[in-house]
N, C-alpha and C. Protein backbone atom coordinates (compact mmCIF):
# COMPACT_ATOMS: atom_id res chain seq x y z
N UNK A 1 22.41 42.73 73.60
CA UNK A 1 22.12 41.40 72.70
C UNK A 1 21.74 40.90 72.65
N UNK A 2 21.04 39.81 73.65
CA UNK A 2 20.24 39.51 73.64
C UNK A 2 18.93 39.74 72.38
N UNK A 3 18.45 40.70 72.21
CA UNK A 3 17.89 40.88 71.47
C UNK A 3 18.14 40.78 70.13
N UNK A 4 19.36 41.04 70.07
CA UNK A 4 20.04 40.77 68.40
C UNK A 4 20.70 39.62 68.87
N UNK A 5 20.59 38.76 69.47
CA UNK A 5 21.34 37.22 69.78
C UNK A 5 19.73 36.63 68.92
N UNK A 6 18.54 37.35 69.60
CA UNK A 6 17.32 36.49 68.72
C UNK A 6 17.06 37.02 67.02
N UNK A 7 17.28 38.12 67.42
CA UNK A 7 17.41 38.39 65.66
C UNK A 7 17.67 36.93 65.17
N UNK A 8 19.49 37.43 64.91
CA UNK A 8 19.78 36.74 64.37
C UNK A 8 19.81 35.15 64.18
N UNK A 9 18.94 34.81 65.08
CA UNK A 9 18.81 32.95 65.50
C UNK A 9 18.09 33.15 64.10
N UNK A 10 16.57 33.81 64.50
CA UNK A 10 15.39 34.07 63.56
C UNK A 10 15.79 34.68 62.10
N UNK A 11 16.68 35.87 61.64
CA UNK A 11 17.19 35.47 60.48
C UNK A 11 17.73 34.13 59.51
N UNK A 12 18.56 33.26 60.63
CA UNK A 12 19.28 32.06 60.92
C UNK A 12 17.96 31.03 60.50
N UNK A 13 16.95 31.13 61.34
CA UNK A 13 15.92 30.51 60.55
C UNK A 13 15.09 30.82 58.66
N UNK A 14 14.97 32.30 58.97
CA UNK A 14 14.24 32.10 57.78
C UNK A 14 15.32 31.92 57.36
N UNK A 15 16.72 32.24 57.33
CA UNK A 15 17.62 31.71 56.42
C UNK A 15 17.47 30.54 55.61
N UNK A 16 17.36 29.93 56.77
CA UNK A 16 17.91 28.15 56.34
C UNK A 16 15.93 27.56 55.68
N UNK A 17 15.56 28.13 55.67
CA UNK A 17 13.42 28.12 55.71
C UNK A 17 13.87 28.55 54.82
N UNK A 18 14.29 29.53 53.41
CA UNK A 18 14.50 30.13 52.48
C UNK A 18 15.71 29.18 51.42
N UNK A 19 16.70 28.58 52.74
CA UNK A 19 17.57 27.87 51.27
C UNK A 19 16.69 26.02 51.04
N UNK A 20 16.31 25.87 52.52
CA UNK A 20 15.26 24.85 51.88
C UNK A 20 14.16 24.18 51.09
N UNK A 21 13.48 26.00 50.74
CA UNK A 21 12.59 25.55 49.58
C UNK A 21 13.51 26.27 48.34
N UNK A 22 15.18 26.57 48.49
CA UNK A 22 15.54 26.74 47.37
C UNK A 22 15.92 25.81 47.02
N UNK A 23 16.14 24.56 47.72
CA UNK A 23 17.00 22.83 47.51
C UNK A 23 15.17 22.00 47.06
N UNK A 24 14.26 22.57 47.89
CA UNK A 24 13.05 22.04 46.98
C UNK A 24 13.02 22.39 45.11
N UNK A 25 12.96 23.35 45.35
CA UNK A 25 12.73 23.96 44.28
C UNK A 25 14.19 23.80 42.97
N UNK A 26 15.02 23.42 43.49
CA UNK A 26 16.08 23.74 42.93
C UNK A 26 15.56 21.73 42.16
N UNK A 27 15.45 21.20 43.06
CA UNK A 27 14.73 19.52 43.33
C UNK A 27 13.86 20.09 41.94
N UNK A 28 12.36 20.19 41.83
CA UNK A 28 11.99 20.01 41.34
C UNK A 28 12.20 20.60 39.23
N UNK A 29 13.02 22.13 40.32
CA UNK A 29 13.25 22.18 38.67
C UNK A 29 14.07 20.81 37.54
N UNK A 30 15.06 20.54 38.85
CA UNK A 30 15.16 19.33 38.25
C UNK A 30 14.70 17.72 37.38
N UNK A 31 13.66 17.98 38.24
CA UNK A 31 12.55 17.02 37.76
C UNK A 31 12.35 16.98 36.71
N UNK A 32 11.38 18.83 36.31
CA UNK A 32 11.12 19.53 35.05
C UNK A 32 12.20 19.02 33.62
N UNK A 33 13.41 19.26 34.58
CA UNK A 33 14.11 18.94 33.65
C UNK A 33 14.51 17.91 32.32
N UNK A 34 14.46 17.26 34.03
CA UNK A 34 14.92 15.24 32.71
C UNK A 34 13.44 15.38 32.28
N UNK A 35 11.87 15.60 33.27
CA UNK A 35 11.02 15.37 32.10
C UNK A 35 11.07 16.10 30.66
N UNK A 36 11.07 17.29 30.66
CA UNK A 36 11.55 17.65 29.36
C UNK A 36 12.16 17.24 28.40
N UNK A 37 13.78 17.01 29.13
CA UNK A 37 14.60 15.93 28.30
C UNK A 37 13.39 14.28 28.00
N UNK A 38 12.90 14.19 28.28
CA UNK A 38 12.44 12.48 28.40
C UNK A 38 10.91 13.02 26.97
N UNK A 39 10.61 14.52 27.20
CA UNK A 39 9.49 14.57 26.40
C UNK A 39 10.72 15.31 25.21
N UNK A 40 11.14 15.24 24.98
CA UNK A 40 12.43 15.96 24.14
C UNK A 40 13.07 14.34 22.99
N UNK A 41 13.32 13.35 24.17
CA UNK A 41 14.08 12.50 23.41
C UNK A 41 12.32 11.69 22.83
N UNK A 42 11.09 11.78 23.29
CA UNK A 42 10.63 11.06 22.92
C UNK A 42 10.19 12.28 21.50
N UNK A 43 9.96 13.34 21.36
CA UNK A 43 9.94 13.97 19.88
C UNK A 43 10.52 13.72 18.96
N UNK A 44 12.38 12.88 19.45
CA UNK A 44 13.63 13.05 18.94
C UNK A 44 12.30 11.59 18.07
N UNK A 45 12.22 11.15 18.58
CA UNK A 45 11.88 9.12 17.82
C UNK A 45 10.96 10.03 17.93
N UNK A 46 9.57 10.34 18.07
CA UNK A 46 8.83 10.50 17.22
C UNK A 46 9.03 11.26 15.22
N UNK A 47 9.54 12.66 15.47
CA UNK A 47 9.48 13.16 14.34
C UNK A 47 10.45 11.85 13.99
N UNK A 48 11.90 11.45 14.17
CA UNK A 48 12.25 10.04 12.93
C UNK A 48 11.89 8.96 12.60
N UNK A 49 10.09 8.92 13.46
CA UNK A 49 9.68 8.19 12.68
C UNK A 49 8.41 8.49 11.76
N UNK A 50 8.60 10.16 11.96
CA UNK A 50 7.79 10.28 11.09
C UNK A 50 8.14 10.79 9.28
N UNK A 51 9.45 10.91 9.73
CA UNK A 51 10.72 11.51 9.00
C UNK A 51 11.31 10.03 7.78
N UNK A 52 10.56 8.89 8.34
CA UNK A 52 11.14 7.56 8.45
C UNK A 52 9.85 6.77 6.75
N UNK A 53 8.52 7.11 7.60
CA UNK A 53 6.56 7.57 7.05
C UNK A 53 6.82 8.10 5.98
N UNK A 54 7.18 9.24 5.82
CA UNK A 54 7.19 10.27 5.38
C UNK A 54 8.25 10.32 3.56
N UNK A 55 8.90 9.06 4.35
CA UNK A 55 10.09 8.40 3.44
C UNK A 55 9.73 7.05 2.92
N UNK A 56 8.39 5.96 3.38
CA UNK A 56 8.60 4.99 3.24
C UNK A 56 6.71 5.56 2.54
N UNK A 57 6.54 6.75 2.61
CA UNK A 57 6.00 6.90 0.95
C UNK A 57 5.34 7.72 0.17
N UNK A 58 6.98 8.44 0.63
CA UNK A 58 7.36 8.38 -0.99
C UNK A 58 7.94 7.19 -1.97
N UNK A 59 8.30 5.88 -1.27
CA UNK A 59 9.22 5.28 -1.80
C UNK A 59 7.66 4.14 -2.49
N UNK A 60 6.56 4.71 -1.56
CA UNK A 60 4.74 4.20 -2.05
C UNK A 60 4.66 4.31 -2.89
N UNK A 61 4.92 5.83 -2.77
CA UNK A 61 3.84 6.69 -4.75
C UNK A 61 4.91 5.85 -5.98
N UNK A 62 6.57 5.61 -5.83
CA UNK A 62 6.97 4.91 -6.18
C UNK A 62 6.81 3.56 -7.16
N UNK A 63 7.15 3.43 -5.87
CA UNK A 63 6.48 1.21 -6.13
C UNK A 63 5.43 1.47 -6.87
N UNK A 64 3.82 2.62 -6.13
CA UNK A 64 2.54 2.00 -6.76
C UNK A 64 2.94 2.53 -8.59
N UNK A 65 3.98 2.94 -8.91
CA UNK A 65 4.57 4.13 -9.97
C UNK A 65 4.60 2.48 -11.07
N UNK A 66 5.57 2.43 -10.33
CA UNK A 66 6.02 1.37 -11.30
C UNK A 66 5.24 -0.19 -11.19
N UNK A 67 4.78 -0.70 -10.08
CA UNK A 67 3.70 -1.29 -10.44
C UNK A 67 2.27 -1.52 -11.49
N UNK A 68 2.48 -0.09 -11.58
CA UNK A 68 1.08 0.34 -12.61
C UNK A 68 1.70 -0.19 -13.73
N UNK A 69 3.12 0.21 -13.99
CA UNK A 69 3.32 -0.16 -15.60
C UNK A 69 3.12 -1.49 -15.70
N UNK A 70 4.19 -1.95 -14.91
CA UNK A 70 4.22 -3.75 -15.56
C UNK A 70 3.20 -4.19 -14.32
N UNK A 71 1.84 -3.86 -14.18
CA UNK A 71 0.65 -4.92 -13.84
C UNK A 71 0.35 -4.40 -15.33
N UNK A 72 0.05 -3.37 -15.72
CA UNK A 72 -0.22 -3.57 -16.89
C UNK A 72 -0.20 -3.53 -18.35
N UNK A 73 1.33 -3.23 -18.12
CA UNK A 73 1.85 -4.33 -19.46
C UNK A 73 1.60 -5.70 -19.39
N UNK A 74 1.77 -6.30 -18.41
CA UNK A 74 1.58 -8.31 -18.05
C UNK A 74 0.09 -7.53 -18.66
N UNK A 75 -1.03 -7.55 -17.89
CA UNK A 75 -2.30 -7.47 -18.45
C UNK A 75 -2.97 -7.49 -19.35
N UNK A 76 -1.63 -5.90 -20.27
CA UNK A 76 -2.11 -6.60 -21.89
C UNK A 76 -1.69 -7.62 -22.55
N UNK A 77 -0.73 -8.03 -21.72
CA UNK A 77 -0.70 -9.14 -22.51
C UNK A 77 -1.32 -10.06 -22.31
N UNK A 78 -1.23 -10.47 -20.71
CA UNK A 78 -2.19 -12.09 -21.00
C UNK A 78 -3.66 -11.63 -21.55
N UNK A 79 -4.24 -10.67 -21.45
CA UNK A 79 -5.41 -10.05 -22.11
C UNK A 79 -5.89 -10.18 -23.22
N UNK A 80 -4.82 -10.41 -24.23
CA UNK A 80 -4.73 -10.03 -25.58
C UNK A 80 -4.69 -11.08 -25.94
N UNK A 81 -4.11 -12.22 -24.91
CA UNK A 81 -3.26 -13.67 -25.45
C UNK A 81 -4.60 -15.00 -25.71
N UNK A 82 -4.68 -14.87 -24.29
CA UNK A 82 -6.41 -14.56 -24.06
C UNK A 82 -7.25 -15.44 -24.91
N UNK A 83 -8.00 -13.42 -25.46
CA UNK A 83 -9.19 -13.58 -26.95
C UNK A 83 -8.56 -13.28 -27.85
N UNK A 84 -6.74 -13.74 -28.45
CA UNK A 84 -7.14 -13.80 -29.07
C UNK A 84 -6.84 -15.88 -29.28
N UNK A 85 -6.17 -16.71 -28.15
CA UNK A 85 -7.02 -18.03 -27.92
C UNK A 85 -7.66 -18.52 -28.12
N UNK A 86 -8.92 -18.11 -27.30
CA UNK A 86 -10.47 -18.77 -27.04
C UNK A 86 -11.60 -17.53 -28.21
N UNK A 87 -11.01 -16.26 -29.06
CA UNK A 87 -11.64 -16.34 -30.27
C UNK A 87 -11.15 -16.72 -31.57
N UNK A 88 -9.76 -18.06 -31.39
CA UNK A 88 -9.72 -18.94 -32.52
C UNK A 88 -9.88 -20.12 -31.99
N UNK A 89 -10.24 -19.99 -31.29
CA UNK A 89 -10.65 -21.45 -30.86
C UNK A 89 -12.25 -22.10 -30.93
N UNK A 90 -12.18 -20.95 -31.04
CA UNK A 90 -14.42 -20.88 -31.38
C UNK A 90 -14.67 -20.48 -33.15
N UNK A 91 -13.28 -19.75 -33.63
CA UNK A 91 -13.16 -19.69 -34.67
C UNK A 91 -12.78 -20.83 -35.73
N UNK A 92 -12.14 -21.48 -35.58
CA UNK A 92 -11.21 -23.31 -35.50
C UNK A 92 -12.35 -23.97 -35.29
N UNK A 93 -13.51 -23.76 -34.43
CA UNK A 93 -14.49 -25.27 -34.07
C UNK A 93 -16.07 -24.33 -34.42
N UNK A 94 -16.03 -22.90 -35.12
CA UNK A 94 -17.19 -23.18 -36.11
C UNK A 94 -17.30 -23.79 -36.83
N UNK A 95 -15.86 -24.00 -37.67
CA UNK A 95 -15.47 -24.22 -39.80
C UNK A 95 -15.68 -25.81 -39.15
N UNK A 96 -14.80 -26.57 -37.88
CA UNK A 96 -14.60 -27.76 -37.56
C UNK A 96 -16.54 -28.07 -38.16
N UNK A 97 -17.39 -27.74 -37.54
CA UNK A 97 -18.37 -27.88 -37.15
C UNK A 97 -18.71 -28.12 -38.88
N UNK A 98 -18.74 -26.97 -39.52
CA UNK A 98 -19.61 -26.24 -40.85
C UNK A 98 -19.00 -28.05 -41.55
N UNK A 99 -17.23 -28.16 -41.57
CA UNK A 99 -17.10 -28.95 -42.57
C UNK A 99 -17.65 -31.08 -41.83
N UNK A 100 -18.00 -31.06 -40.33
CA UNK A 100 -18.00 -31.64 -40.15
C UNK A 100 -20.08 -32.20 -40.99
N UNK A 101 -20.56 -30.94 -40.84
CA UNK A 101 -22.24 -30.82 -41.48
C UNK A 101 -22.28 -30.94 -43.00
N UNK A 102 -20.83 -30.25 -43.54
CA UNK A 102 -21.05 -30.45 -44.89
C UNK A 102 -20.74 -32.25 -45.75
N UNK A 103 -19.32 -32.37 -44.84
CA UNK A 103 -19.16 -33.62 -44.89
C UNK A 103 -20.07 -35.46 -44.56
N UNK A 104 -21.13 -34.46 -44.13
CA UNK A 104 -21.61 -35.79 -43.96
C UNK A 104 -22.92 -36.49 -45.24
N UNK A 105 -23.44 -37.66 -45.11
CA UNK A 105 -22.97 -37.77 -46.25
C UNK A 105 -25.06 -37.44 -46.18
N UNK A 106 -25.67 -37.47 -45.55
CA UNK A 106 -27.46 -36.59 -45.47
C UNK A 106 -27.27 -34.72 -46.70
N UNK A 107 -25.50 -34.73 -47.17
CA UNK A 107 -25.77 -33.83 -48.34
C UNK A 107 -26.60 -34.12 -49.21
N UNK A 108 -26.58 -33.50 -49.91
CA UNK A 108 -27.18 -33.56 -51.53
C UNK A 108 -25.77 -33.52 -52.39
N UNK A 109 -25.05 -32.79 -52.26
CA UNK A 109 -24.69 -32.10 -52.91
C UNK A 109 -23.54 -33.15 -53.87
N UNK A 110 -22.71 -33.22 -54.53
CA UNK A 110 -22.00 -34.19 -54.90
C UNK A 110 -20.95 -33.93 -54.60
N UNK A 111 -19.95 -35.31 -53.52
CA UNK A 111 -19.27 -35.80 -53.60
C UNK A 111 -18.45 -35.11 -53.38
N UNK A 112 -17.78 -34.43 -54.24
CA UNK A 112 -17.07 -34.10 -55.84
C UNK A 112 -16.85 -32.91 -54.81
N UNK A 113 -18.44 -32.42 -55.27
CA UNK A 113 -18.11 -30.43 -54.64
C UNK A 113 -17.59 -30.30 -53.21
N UNK A 114 -18.32 -31.59 -52.42
CA UNK A 114 -18.52 -31.62 -50.81
C UNK A 114 -17.10 -31.32 -50.40
N UNK A 115 -16.30 -32.61 -51.10
CA UNK A 115 -15.16 -32.59 -50.66
C UNK A 115 -14.03 -31.18 -50.46
N UNK A 116 -13.87 -30.78 -52.08
CA UNK A 116 -13.83 -29.50 -52.16
C UNK A 116 -13.98 -28.50 -51.33
N UNK A 117 -15.27 -28.51 -50.68
CA UNK A 117 -15.68 -27.59 -49.37
C UNK A 117 -15.31 -28.31 -48.57
N UNK A 118 -14.84 -28.70 -48.42
CA UNK A 118 -13.66 -29.46 -46.61
C UNK A 118 -12.54 -28.83 -47.07
N UNK A 119 -11.87 -29.21 -47.36
CA UNK A 119 -10.54 -29.12 -48.70
C UNK A 119 -10.35 -26.92 -47.84
N UNK A 120 -11.73 -26.62 -48.80
CA UNK A 120 -11.31 -24.76 -48.98
C UNK A 120 -11.46 -24.91 -47.68
N UNK A 121 -12.48 -25.29 -46.64
CA UNK A 121 -12.31 -24.68 -44.82
C UNK A 121 -11.57 -25.02 -44.29
N UNK A 122 -10.76 -26.28 -44.27
CA UNK A 122 -9.77 -26.48 -43.41
C UNK A 122 -8.63 -25.48 -43.83
N UNK A 123 -8.26 -24.77 -45.06
CA UNK A 123 -6.73 -23.63 -45.48
C UNK A 123 -7.92 -22.47 -45.08
N UNK A 124 -8.82 -22.09 -44.48
CA UNK A 124 -9.81 -20.78 -43.77
C UNK A 124 -9.34 -21.44 -42.19
N UNK A 125 -9.23 -22.28 -42.06
CA UNK A 125 -8.26 -22.86 -40.71
C UNK A 125 -7.61 -22.48 -40.96
N UNK A 126 -6.73 -22.56 -41.57
CA UNK A 126 -6.13 -23.00 -42.14
C UNK A 126 -5.14 -21.02 -41.88
N UNK A 127 -5.98 -20.31 -42.09
CA UNK A 127 -5.32 -18.54 -42.63
C UNK A 127 -6.52 -17.77 -41.18
N UNK A 128 -7.08 -18.90 -40.52
CA UNK A 128 -7.94 -17.87 -38.83
C UNK A 128 -6.54 -17.73 -38.44
N UNK A 129 -6.11 -19.87 -38.02
CA UNK A 129 -4.49 -19.47 -36.96
C UNK A 129 -3.09 -19.19 -37.75
N UNK A 130 -3.63 -18.64 -38.43
CA UNK A 130 -2.41 -17.54 -38.72
C UNK A 130 -2.16 -16.39 -39.69
N UNK A 131 -3.92 -15.96 -38.86
CA UNK A 131 -4.41 -15.02 -38.92
C UNK A 131 -4.43 -14.11 -37.12
N UNK A 132 -4.32 -15.09 -36.46
CA UNK A 132 -4.82 -15.18 -34.71
C UNK A 132 -3.59 -14.19 -34.53
N UNK A 133 -1.96 -14.38 -34.38
CA UNK A 133 -0.67 -13.24 -34.25
C UNK A 133 -1.67 -11.76 -34.73
N UNK A 134 -1.56 -12.17 -35.52
CA UNK A 134 -1.69 -10.74 -37.00
C UNK A 134 -3.08 -9.80 -35.45
N UNK A 135 -3.59 -10.74 -35.40
CA UNK A 135 -5.33 -9.71 -34.18
C UNK A 135 -4.07 -9.50 -32.63
N UNK A 136 -3.38 -10.67 -32.65
CA UNK A 136 -2.11 -10.08 -30.96
C UNK A 136 -2.39 -8.64 -31.27
N UNK A 137 -1.39 -8.81 -32.30
CA UNK A 137 -0.38 -7.40 -31.77
C UNK A 137 -0.98 -6.35 -32.01
N UNK A 138 -1.81 -6.53 -32.97
CA UNK A 138 -2.99 -5.14 -32.94
C UNK A 138 -4.00 -5.17 -31.81
N UNK A 139 -4.12 -5.89 -30.83
CA UNK A 139 -4.40 -5.88 -30.34
C UNK A 139 -3.32 -5.31 -29.46
N UNK A 140 -1.88 -5.66 -28.65
CA UNK A 140 -1.51 -5.45 -27.71
C UNK A 140 -1.30 -3.84 -28.01
N UNK A 141 -1.04 -3.62 -29.20
CA UNK A 141 -0.27 -2.72 -29.72
C UNK A 141 -1.59 -1.45 -29.84
N UNK A 142 -2.99 -1.51 -29.66
CA UNK A 142 -4.44 -0.75 -29.08
C UNK A 142 -4.09 -0.62 -27.86
N UNK A 143 -3.59 -1.76 -26.84
CA UNK A 143 -4.17 -0.96 -25.29
C UNK A 143 -2.25 -0.31 -25.63
N UNK A 144 -1.37 0.06 -25.70
CA UNK A 144 -0.22 0.19 -25.32
C UNK A 144 -0.65 1.79 -26.46
N UNK A 145 -1.57 2.15 -27.08
CA UNK A 145 -1.70 3.95 -27.71
C UNK A 145 -1.79 4.50 -26.45
N UNK A 146 -0.44 5.82 -26.16
CA UNK A 146 0.03 7.22 -25.01
C UNK A 146 -1.77 6.78 -23.95
N UNK A 147 -2.65 7.15 -24.58
CA UNK A 147 -3.77 7.61 -24.13
C UNK A 147 -4.81 6.44 -23.66
N UNK A 148 -4.81 5.16 -24.34
CA UNK A 148 -5.68 3.79 -23.63
C UNK A 148 -4.96 3.64 -22.15
N UNK A 149 -3.58 3.53 -23.16
CA UNK A 149 -2.75 2.79 -21.59
C UNK A 149 -2.33 4.00 -20.90
N UNK A 150 -3.01 5.40 -21.35
CA UNK A 150 -2.66 6.60 -19.44
C UNK A 150 -4.11 6.52 -18.69
N UNK A 151 -4.84 6.14 -18.98
CA UNK A 151 -6.15 6.54 -19.02
C UNK A 151 -6.49 5.17 -18.16
N UNK A 152 -5.65 3.19 -18.66
CA UNK A 152 -5.73 2.52 -17.60
C UNK A 152 -4.63 1.90 -16.65
N UNK A 153 -2.91 2.36 -16.65
CA UNK A 153 -3.10 3.09 -16.04
C UNK A 153 -3.03 3.81 -14.86
N UNK A 154 -3.99 4.87 -14.56
CA UNK A 154 -4.75 5.68 -13.92
C UNK A 154 -5.17 4.98 -12.52
N UNK A 155 -6.54 4.23 -13.79
CA UNK A 155 -7.90 2.79 -12.92
C UNK A 155 -5.80 2.75 -12.50
N UNK A 156 -5.79 1.64 -12.61
CA UNK A 156 -4.40 0.54 -12.18
C UNK A 156 -3.65 1.46 -10.41
N UNK A 157 -3.41 2.31 -11.04
CA UNK A 157 -2.56 3.45 -9.75
C UNK A 157 -3.91 3.82 -8.57
N UNK A 158 -4.61 4.43 -9.01
CA UNK A 158 -6.23 4.41 -8.11
C UNK A 158 -6.81 3.41 -6.74
N UNK A 159 -6.38 2.78 -7.46
CA UNK A 159 -7.55 0.87 -7.20
C UNK A 159 -5.07 1.12 -6.02
N UNK A 160 -4.08 0.72 -6.52
CA UNK A 160 -3.44 0.51 -6.70
C UNK A 160 -2.96 1.45 -4.31
N UNK A 161 -3.21 2.51 -4.05
CA UNK A 161 -3.69 3.56 -3.57
C UNK A 161 -4.99 3.79 -2.92
N UNK A 162 -5.82 3.60 -3.52
CA UNK A 162 -6.94 2.47 -2.07
C UNK A 162 -6.61 2.15 -1.27
N UNK A 163 -6.06 0.88 -2.26
CA UNK A 163 -5.67 -0.64 -1.17
C UNK A 163 -4.40 -0.31 -0.29
N UNK A 164 -3.56 0.48 -1.00
CA UNK A 164 -2.23 0.98 0.57
C UNK A 164 -3.02 2.37 0.58
N UNK A 165 -3.62 2.84 1.19
CA UNK A 165 -4.40 3.23 2.07
C UNK A 165 -5.43 2.73 3.04
N UNK A 166 -5.95 2.22 2.56
CA UNK A 166 -6.56 0.74 3.37
C UNK A 166 -5.50 0.01 4.13
N UNK A 167 -4.58 0.16 3.77
CA UNK A 167 -3.86 -1.27 4.86
C UNK A 167 -3.00 0.32 5.47
N UNK A 168 -2.94 0.61 5.37
CA UNK A 168 -2.25 2.64 6.24
C UNK A 168 -2.60 2.90 6.97
N UNK A 169 -4.20 3.04 6.43
CA UNK A 169 -4.61 3.23 7.61
C UNK A 169 -5.68 2.38 8.69
N UNK A 170 -5.09 0.94 8.30
CA UNK A 170 -5.32 -0.28 9.70
C UNK A 170 -3.88 -0.23 10.17
N UNK A 171 -3.02 0.03 9.58
CA UNK A 171 -1.49 -0.21 10.67
C UNK A 171 -1.58 1.65 11.44
N UNK A 172 -1.75 2.51 10.64
CA UNK A 172 -2.21 3.84 11.52
C UNK A 172 -2.53 3.70 13.80
N UNK A 173 -4.08 2.45 13.37
CA UNK A 173 -4.86 2.34 13.77
C UNK A 173 -4.47 1.73 14.94
N UNK A 174 -3.59 0.43 14.98
CA UNK A 174 -3.00 -0.56 15.51
C UNK A 174 -1.86 0.21 16.40
N UNK A 175 -1.61 1.24 15.20
CA UNK A 175 -0.32 1.93 16.15
C UNK A 175 -0.17 2.86 16.80
N UNK A 176 -1.56 3.32 17.23
CA UNK A 176 -2.39 4.49 17.64
C UNK A 176 -3.01 3.15 18.19
N UNK A 177 -3.22 2.05 19.30
CA UNK A 177 -3.88 1.11 20.33
C UNK A 177 -3.04 0.64 21.28
N UNK A 178 -0.74 1.24 20.53
CA UNK A 178 -0.17 1.20 21.28
C UNK A 178 0.10 1.66 21.63
N UNK A 179 0.69 3.21 20.54
CA UNK A 179 0.77 4.80 22.06
C UNK A 179 0.08 4.32 23.04
N UNK A 180 -1.56 3.59 23.00
CA UNK A 180 -2.54 4.51 23.81
C UNK A 180 -2.07 3.26 25.32
N UNK A 181 -1.93 2.09 24.19
CA UNK A 181 -1.68 1.28 25.77
C UNK A 181 0.05 1.85 26.46
N UNK A 182 0.92 2.14 26.13
CA UNK A 182 1.97 2.30 26.04
C UNK A 182 1.91 3.22 27.46
N UNK A 183 1.47 4.67 26.70
CA UNK A 183 0.62 5.71 27.72
C UNK A 183 -1.17 5.28 29.01
N UNK A 184 -0.88 4.88 28.67
CA UNK A 184 -1.96 3.75 29.76
C UNK A 184 -0.52 3.57 30.74
N UNK A 185 0.31 2.80 30.78
CA UNK A 185 1.52 1.59 31.37
C UNK A 185 2.42 2.50 31.97
N UNK A 186 2.45 4.01 31.58
CA UNK A 186 3.46 5.44 32.42
C UNK A 186 2.76 6.12 32.68
N UNK A 187 1.17 5.83 32.55
CA UNK A 187 1.08 6.56 33.61
C UNK A 187 0.63 5.70 35.20
N UNK A 188 0.30 4.45 34.74
CA UNK A 188 0.31 3.45 36.18
C UNK A 188 1.34 3.50 36.56
N UNK A 189 2.18 3.60 35.85
CA UNK A 189 3.70 3.05 37.07
C UNK A 189 4.08 4.60 37.19
N UNK A 190 4.11 6.25 37.17
CA UNK A 190 3.59 7.36 37.69
C UNK A 190 2.89 7.91 39.08
N UNK A 191 1.21 6.72 38.71
CA UNK A 191 1.14 6.49 39.93
C UNK A 191 2.15 5.84 40.98
N UNK A 192 1.76 5.21 40.56
CA UNK A 192 2.14 3.84 41.37
C UNK A 192 3.57 4.80 42.27
N UNK A 193 4.60 5.67 41.59
CA UNK A 193 5.60 5.99 41.54
C UNK A 193 5.83 6.62 42.66
N UNK A 194 3.95 7.46 42.88
CA UNK A 194 3.89 9.26 43.91
C UNK A 194 2.49 8.04 44.48
N UNK A 195 2.31 6.98 44.06
CA UNK A 195 1.87 6.11 45.81
C UNK A 195 2.63 5.96 46.66
N UNK A 196 4.22 5.60 46.50
CA UNK A 196 4.76 4.65 46.67
C UNK A 196 6.77 6.37 47.72
N UNK A 197 5.78 7.43 46.94
CA UNK A 197 6.60 8.53 47.01
C UNK A 197 5.24 9.19 48.45
N UNK A 198 4.59 8.92 48.51
CA UNK A 198 3.77 9.10 49.74
C UNK A 198 3.53 8.37 50.87
């Protein structure tokens, strides 16, 4: 019977050892499950962030489209009006200079003819002022032609996209830096926790 008792004791020791190994494996498995759950949460957060970024990119594309349309139309108005105003000023100035030259006493033409010419030049100045609005409308309509408008809006959109891409690239660099710092802090905490366990 002592042989049996010794064999039973050895079996109990083996069983206790196996039970302890199973318990340790269960603890490790629970730890791994916790890590998997944490990684799953991180993955879900990253997927949500990706979905948000994807939506923002789609929103940006429509924003680029809208901004390009509005910017082009406003630019056409401003450019056409500025060109008209500056051209009109120069034309009127040129006529005014000629009127002064013509009206000066050094001219040999009779005063009556010079006065008539000055009066005619005043009429020309008025016609220049009136023609300016027609010129403005023609320039604006030329800029609004579909082929011209499409080409110019395309250039505006491209510049806007480049600007946004630069901004997104800077944002990505910043996000990568923040993620690296977070991972470094997490690694330091994990190393500290391991040191404490030892």
